[in-house]
Protein backbone atom coordinates (compact mmCIF):
# COMPACT_ATOMS: atom_id res chain seq x y z
CA UNK A 1 48.15 -79.05 -89.50
CA UNK A 2 51.88 -78.26 -89.72
CA UNK A 3 51.21 -75.44 -92.18
CA UNK A 4 48.66 -73.95 -89.80
CA UNK A 5 51.08 -74.14 -86.88
CA UNK A 6 53.83 -72.57 -89.00
CA UNK A 7 51.50 -69.77 -90.00
CA UNK A 8 50.44 -69.18 -86.40
CA UNK A 9 54.08 -69.06 -85.37
CA UNK A 10 54.91 -66.55 -88.07
CA UNK A 11 51.95 -64.39 -87.06
CA UNK A 12 53.02 -64.57 -83.41
CA UNK A 13 56.59 -63.59 -84.27
CA UNK A 14 55.28 -60.70 -86.36
CA UNK A 15 53.12 -59.53 -83.44
CA UNK A 16 56.10 -59.79 -81.09
CA UNK A 17 58.21 -57.71 -83.48
CA UNK A 18 55.46 -55.10 -83.62
CA UNK A 19 55.28 -55.06 -79.83
CA UNK A 20 59.05 -54.66 -79.51
CA UNK A 21 58.95 -51.80 -81.97
CA UNK A 22 56.07 -50.14 -80.12
CA UNK A 23 57.93 -50.48 -76.81
CA UNK A 24 61.04 -48.97 -78.38
CA UNK A 25 59.06 -46.00 -79.72
CA UNK A 26 57.38 -45.52 -76.35
CA UNK A 27 60.75 -45.54 -74.59
CA UNK A 28 62.11 -43.00 -77.08
CA UNK A 29 59.07 -40.78 -76.51
CA UNK A 30 59.53 -41.01 -72.75
CA UNK A 31 63.24 -40.15 -73.06
CA UNK A 32 62.36 -37.17 -75.24
CA UNK A 33 59.82 -35.98 -72.67
CA UNK A 34 62.38 -36.25 -69.86
CA UNK A 35 64.92 -34.26 -71.90
CA UNK A 36 62.31 -31.62 -72.75
CA UNK A 37 61.38 -31.10 -69.12
CA UNK A 38 65.05 -30.95 -68.17
CA UNK A 39 65.62 -28.25 -70.80
CA UNK A 40 62.69 -26.32 -69.35
CA UNK A 41 64.41 -26.46 -65.96
CA UNK A 42 67.69 -25.36 -67.56
CA UNK A 43 65.94 -22.34 -69.07
CA UNK A 44 64.47 -21.40 -65.72
CA UNK A 45 67.78 -21.84 -63.95
CA UNK A 46 69.69 -19.94 -66.65
CA UNK A 47 67.51 -16.87 -66.15
CA UNK A 48 68.42 -16.86 -62.47
CA UNK A 49 72.09 -17.55 -63.20
CA UNK A 50 72.26 -14.57 -65.58
CA UNK A 51 71.00 -12.36 -62.76
CA UNK A 52 73.26 -13.96 -60.15
CA UNK A 53 76.41 -13.60 -62.28
CA UNK A 54 75.73 -9.86 -62.49
CA UNK A 55 76.53 -9.39 -58.80
CA UNK A 56 80.14 -10.65 -58.85
CA UNK A 57 80.70 -8.91 -62.21
CA UNK A 58 79.66 -5.61 -60.63
CA UNK A 59 82.03 -6.26 -57.74
CA UNK A 60 84.92 -7.07 -60.09
CA UNK A 61 84.20 -3.91 -62.09
CA UNK A 62 84.39 -1.86 -58.90
CA UNK A 63 87.67 -3.50 -57.90
CA UNK A 64 89.17 -2.75 -61.33
CA UNK A 65 88.20 0.90 -60.99
CA UNK A 66 90.00 1.07 -57.65
CA UNK A 67 93.12 -0.45 -59.19
CA UNK A 68 92.90 1.92 -62.14
CA UNK A 69 92.79 4.92 -59.80
CA UNK A 70 96.16 3.90 -58.37
CA UNK A 71 97.62 5.28 -55.15
CA UNK A 72 97.06 1.94 -53.41
CA UNK A 73 99.60 0.32 -51.14
CA UNK A 74 100.75 -3.24 -51.75
CA UNK A 75 98.58 -4.76 -49.03
CA UNK A 76 95.38 -3.15 -50.34
CA UNK A 77 96.25 -4.10 -53.92
CA UNK A 78 96.79 -7.72 -52.87
CA UNK A 79 93.48 -7.70 -50.98
CA UNK A 80 91.58 -6.36 -54.01
CA UNK A 81 93.19 -8.96 -56.28
CA UNK A 82 92.24 -11.72 -53.83
CA UNK A 83 88.64 -10.50 -53.64
CA UNK A 84 88.45 -10.31 -57.44
CA UNK A 85 89.74 -13.88 -57.71
CA UNK A 86 87.02 -15.06 -55.32
CA UNK A 87 84.34 -13.36 -57.43
CA UNK A 88 85.73 -14.94 -60.61
CA UNK A 89 85.67 -18.34 -58.89
CA UNK A 90 82.07 -17.71 -57.85
CA UNK A 91 81.09 -17.03 -61.48
CA UNK A 92 82.98 -20.11 -62.66
CA UNK A 93 81.21 -22.31 -60.11
CA UNK A 94 77.75 -21.02 -61.02
CA UNK A 95 78.31 -21.56 -64.75
CA UNK A 96 79.99 -24.95 -64.27
CA UNK A 97 77.09 -26.26 -62.18
CA UNK A 98 74.58 -25.16 -64.82
CA UNK A 99 76.61 -26.73 -67.64
CA UNK A 100 76.98 -29.99 -65.72
CA UNK A 101 73.22 -30.10 -65.12
CA UNK A 102 72.35 -29.35 -68.76
CA UNK A 103 74.78 -31.85 -70.27
CA UNK A 104 72.87 -34.52 -72.19
CA UNK A 105 73.71 -38.20 -71.82
CA UNK A 106 73.05 -40.36 -74.89
CA UNK A 107 72.12 -43.48 -72.96
CA UNK A 108 72.38 -42.87 -69.22
CA UNK A 109 73.38 -46.05 -67.43
CA UNK A 110 72.14 -47.11 -64.03
CA UNK A 111 75.10 -47.28 -61.68
CA UNK A 112 76.13 -46.80 -58.06
CA UNK A 113 75.33 -43.18 -57.18
CA UNK A 114 76.33 -41.15 -54.13
CA UNK A 115 73.20 -39.22 -53.14
CA UNK A 116 75.02 -36.56 -51.03
CA UNK A 117 76.88 -35.45 -54.15
CA UNK A 118 73.61 -35.17 -56.09
CA UNK A 119 72.06 -33.17 -53.25
CA UNK A 120 75.02 -30.77 -53.20
CA UNK A 121 74.84 -30.21 -56.95
CA UNK A 122 71.09 -29.58 -56.94
CA UNK A 123 71.38 -27.31 -53.92
CA UNK A 124 74.08 -25.19 -55.59
CA UNK A 125 71.99 -24.80 -58.73
CA UNK A 126 68.86 -23.68 -56.90
CA UNK A 127 70.66 -21.44 -54.39
CA UNK A 128 72.06 -19.47 -57.35
CA UNK A 129 68.51 -18.31 -58.10
CA UNK A 130 67.54 -14.85 -56.78
CA UNK A 131 64.10 -16.09 -55.69
CA UNK A 132 65.70 -18.59 -53.31
CA UNK A 133 67.62 -16.00 -51.29
CA UNK A 134 65.08 -15.99 -48.47
CA UNK A 135 64.91 -19.79 -48.38
CA UNK A 136 67.39 -21.86 -46.38
CA UNK A 137 68.17 -25.18 -48.04
CA UNK A 138 69.54 -27.35 -45.25
CA UNK A 139 71.34 -30.56 -46.18
CA UNK A 140 71.27 -33.22 -43.46
CA UNK A 141 72.27 -36.18 -45.66
CA UNK A 142 75.07 -38.17 -43.98
CA UNK A 143 78.33 -38.37 -45.89
CA UNK A 144 78.48 -42.15 -45.37
CA UNK A 145 75.03 -42.78 -46.86
CA UNK A 146 75.05 -46.06 -48.85
CA UNK A 147 75.20 -45.65 -52.60
CA UNK A 148 72.05 -46.40 -54.60
CA UNK A 149 71.24 -47.79 -58.04
CA UNK A 150 70.38 -44.75 -60.13
CA UNK A 151 71.42 -42.28 -62.83
CA UNK A 152 73.17 -39.38 -61.12
CA UNK A 153 72.08 -36.69 -63.59
CA UNK A 154 68.45 -37.78 -63.30
CA UNK A 155 68.58 -37.71 -59.49
CA UNK A 156 69.84 -34.12 -59.73
CA UNK A 157 67.02 -33.36 -62.18
CA UNK A 158 64.43 -34.66 -59.71
CA UNK A 159 65.94 -32.75 -56.79
CA UNK A 160 66.12 -29.50 -58.77
CA UNK A 161 62.44 -29.90 -59.66
CA UNK A 162 61.43 -30.50 -56.04
CA UNK A 163 63.55 -27.63 -54.71
CA UNK A 164 62.30 -25.16 -57.33
CA UNK A 165 58.70 -26.17 -56.62
CA UNK A 166 59.23 -25.59 -52.90
CA UNK A 167 60.88 -22.22 -53.48
CA UNK A 168 58.12 -21.14 -55.87
CA UNK A 169 55.44 -22.15 -53.37
CA UNK A 170 56.96 -19.80 -50.78
CA UNK A 171 56.54 -16.86 -53.19
CA UNK A 172 59.53 -14.92 -51.93
CA UNK A 173 58.75 -15.41 -48.25
CA UNK A 174 61.33 -16.72 -45.81
CA UNK A 175 61.29 -20.47 -45.40
CA UNK A 176 63.31 -23.64 -45.06
CA UNK A 177 63.78 -26.78 -47.10
CA UNK A 178 65.36 -29.69 -45.26
CA UNK A 179 66.93 -32.65 -47.06
CA UNK A 180 67.40 -35.80 -45.02
CA UNK A 181 67.97 -39.48 -45.70
CA UNK A 182 67.11 -42.83 -44.16
CA UNK A 183 68.48 -46.33 -44.77
CA UNK A 184 65.84 -49.05 -44.81
CA UNK A 185 67.13 -52.59 -45.36
CA UNK A 186 67.90 -52.72 -49.10
CA UNK A 187 66.54 -49.24 -49.78
CA UNK A 188 67.54 -45.64 -49.16
CA UNK A 189 64.97 -42.88 -48.80
CA UNK A 190 65.88 -39.28 -49.64
CA UNK A 191 63.43 -36.83 -48.09
CA UNK A 192 62.80 -33.24 -49.20
CA UNK A 193 60.60 -31.36 -46.75
CA UNK A 194 59.62 -27.69 -46.65
CA UNK A 195 57.67 -25.44 -44.32
CA UNK A 196 55.79 -23.67 -47.10
CA UNK A 197 52.03 -23.34 -47.65
CA UNK A 198 51.50 -27.03 -48.38
CA UNK A 199 49.25 -28.62 -50.98
CA UNK A 200 45.44 -28.51 -50.65
CA UNK A 201 43.76 -31.92 -50.20
CA UNK A 202 41.82 -31.63 -53.45
CA UNK A 203 45.08 -31.20 -55.40
CA UNK A 204 47.35 -33.56 -53.49
CA UNK A 205 46.12 -36.69 -55.27
CA UNK A 206 46.77 -35.11 -58.67
CA UNK A 207 50.28 -33.73 -58.25
CA UNK A 208 51.82 -36.57 -60.30
CA UNK A 209 49.27 -36.29 -63.11
CA UNK A 210 50.74 -35.05 -66.41
CA UNK A 211 49.96 -31.38 -67.14
CA UNK A 212 48.51 -30.77 -63.68
CA UNK A 213 50.01 -27.71 -61.97
CA UNK A 214 49.14 -25.45 -59.07
CA UNK A 215 51.13 -22.58 -60.60
CA UNK A 216 49.72 -19.66 -62.54
CA UNK A 217 49.28 -20.06 -66.33
CA UNK A 218 52.63 -19.84 -68.09
CA UNK A 219 54.58 -20.52 -64.89
CA UNK A 220 54.84 -24.30 -65.22
CA UNK A 221 54.38 -27.13 -67.70
CA UNK A 222 52.67 -29.47 -65.27
CA UNK A 223 55.08 -32.23 -66.31
CA UNK A 224 57.79 -31.90 -63.66
CA UNK A 225 56.44 -34.26 -61.00
CA UNK A 226 54.98 -36.65 -63.58
CA UNK A 227 58.45 -37.05 -65.07
CA UNK A 228 60.00 -37.39 -61.60
CA UNK A 229 57.63 -40.30 -60.97
CA UNK A 230 58.47 -41.90 -64.31
CA UNK A 231 62.22 -41.62 -63.66
CA UNK A 232 61.91 -43.14 -60.19
CA UNK A 233 59.88 -46.08 -61.44
CA UNK A 234 62.43 -46.73 -64.17
CA UNK A 235 64.97 -47.04 -61.39
CA UNK A 236 62.72 -49.55 -59.57
CA UNK A 237 62.16 -46.86 -56.98
CA UNK A 238 59.26 -44.64 -56.01
CA UNK A 239 58.33 -41.08 -55.10
CA UNK A 240 55.75 -40.29 -52.43
CA UNK A 241 54.23 -37.09 -51.11
CA UNK A 242 52.63 -36.03 -47.86
CA UNK A 243 51.21 -32.58 -47.27
CA UNK A 244 48.62 -30.58 -45.40
CA UNK A 245 47.56 -27.13 -46.39
CA UNK A 246 49.43 -24.60 -44.28
CA UNK A 247 51.93 -27.19 -43.00
CA UNK A 248 54.38 -27.63 -45.87
CA UNK A 249 55.07 -30.61 -48.10
CA UNK A 250 57.20 -33.74 -47.74
CA UNK A 251 58.49 -35.68 -50.76
CA UNK A 252 60.21 -39.00 -50.31
CA UNK A 253 62.42 -40.58 -52.98
CA UNK A 254 62.94 -44.30 -52.45
CA UNK A 255 65.97 -45.87 -54.15
CA UNK A 256 67.27 -49.44 -54.34
CA UNK A 257 70.72 -50.09 -52.93
């Protein structure tokens, strides 16, 4: 009897070890998927950044030509130098924001996160894209919004995904994306709402399905929103969507305080 119990215990422990190992491998696969989708976003953003950096570089080149021509009084020279410095700062900001977003964290820890800072970072990244020039991204998040339990870089990743999706849906047309927030007892909701074409009813229920996309072939992986959902659930939060065709889309990120 004792031998049988001992054997059963050993078999149970072996099964538990196998389960722990399987859970570890699943977690590693999920982390890899999140990193892969983030890199896809970095690639998309980098293409826009390369274009956007060209504008201040052209301006600086023109200023240098003026200085090289000479015959400028001190006031005009000082003005040109000041303008050049502003363009250099603009380039530095664009590149810094992209580098901050792309930086990989070995084991991101859940901590107290200030959502307004995440919104500002995501907004700066997306506004640097040429395709977003006709889209106003309006930030209404209050500065005194309570901090939430999250991973800051992953919140930025989610917001970048939502903002890019909204911009893409507008297809170069003028539009607006509003970001607001609400405090609800022990939760904070961050809301991203646009006035774009909306999501058709037959596709709305599938937007969080892996590999489902409303974009043209080659324009999206279909993993962005699925990974956003996975990240939010890891944080004991949630992501919800409301939309009607022709009336825009509303995504709500619910965080724990």
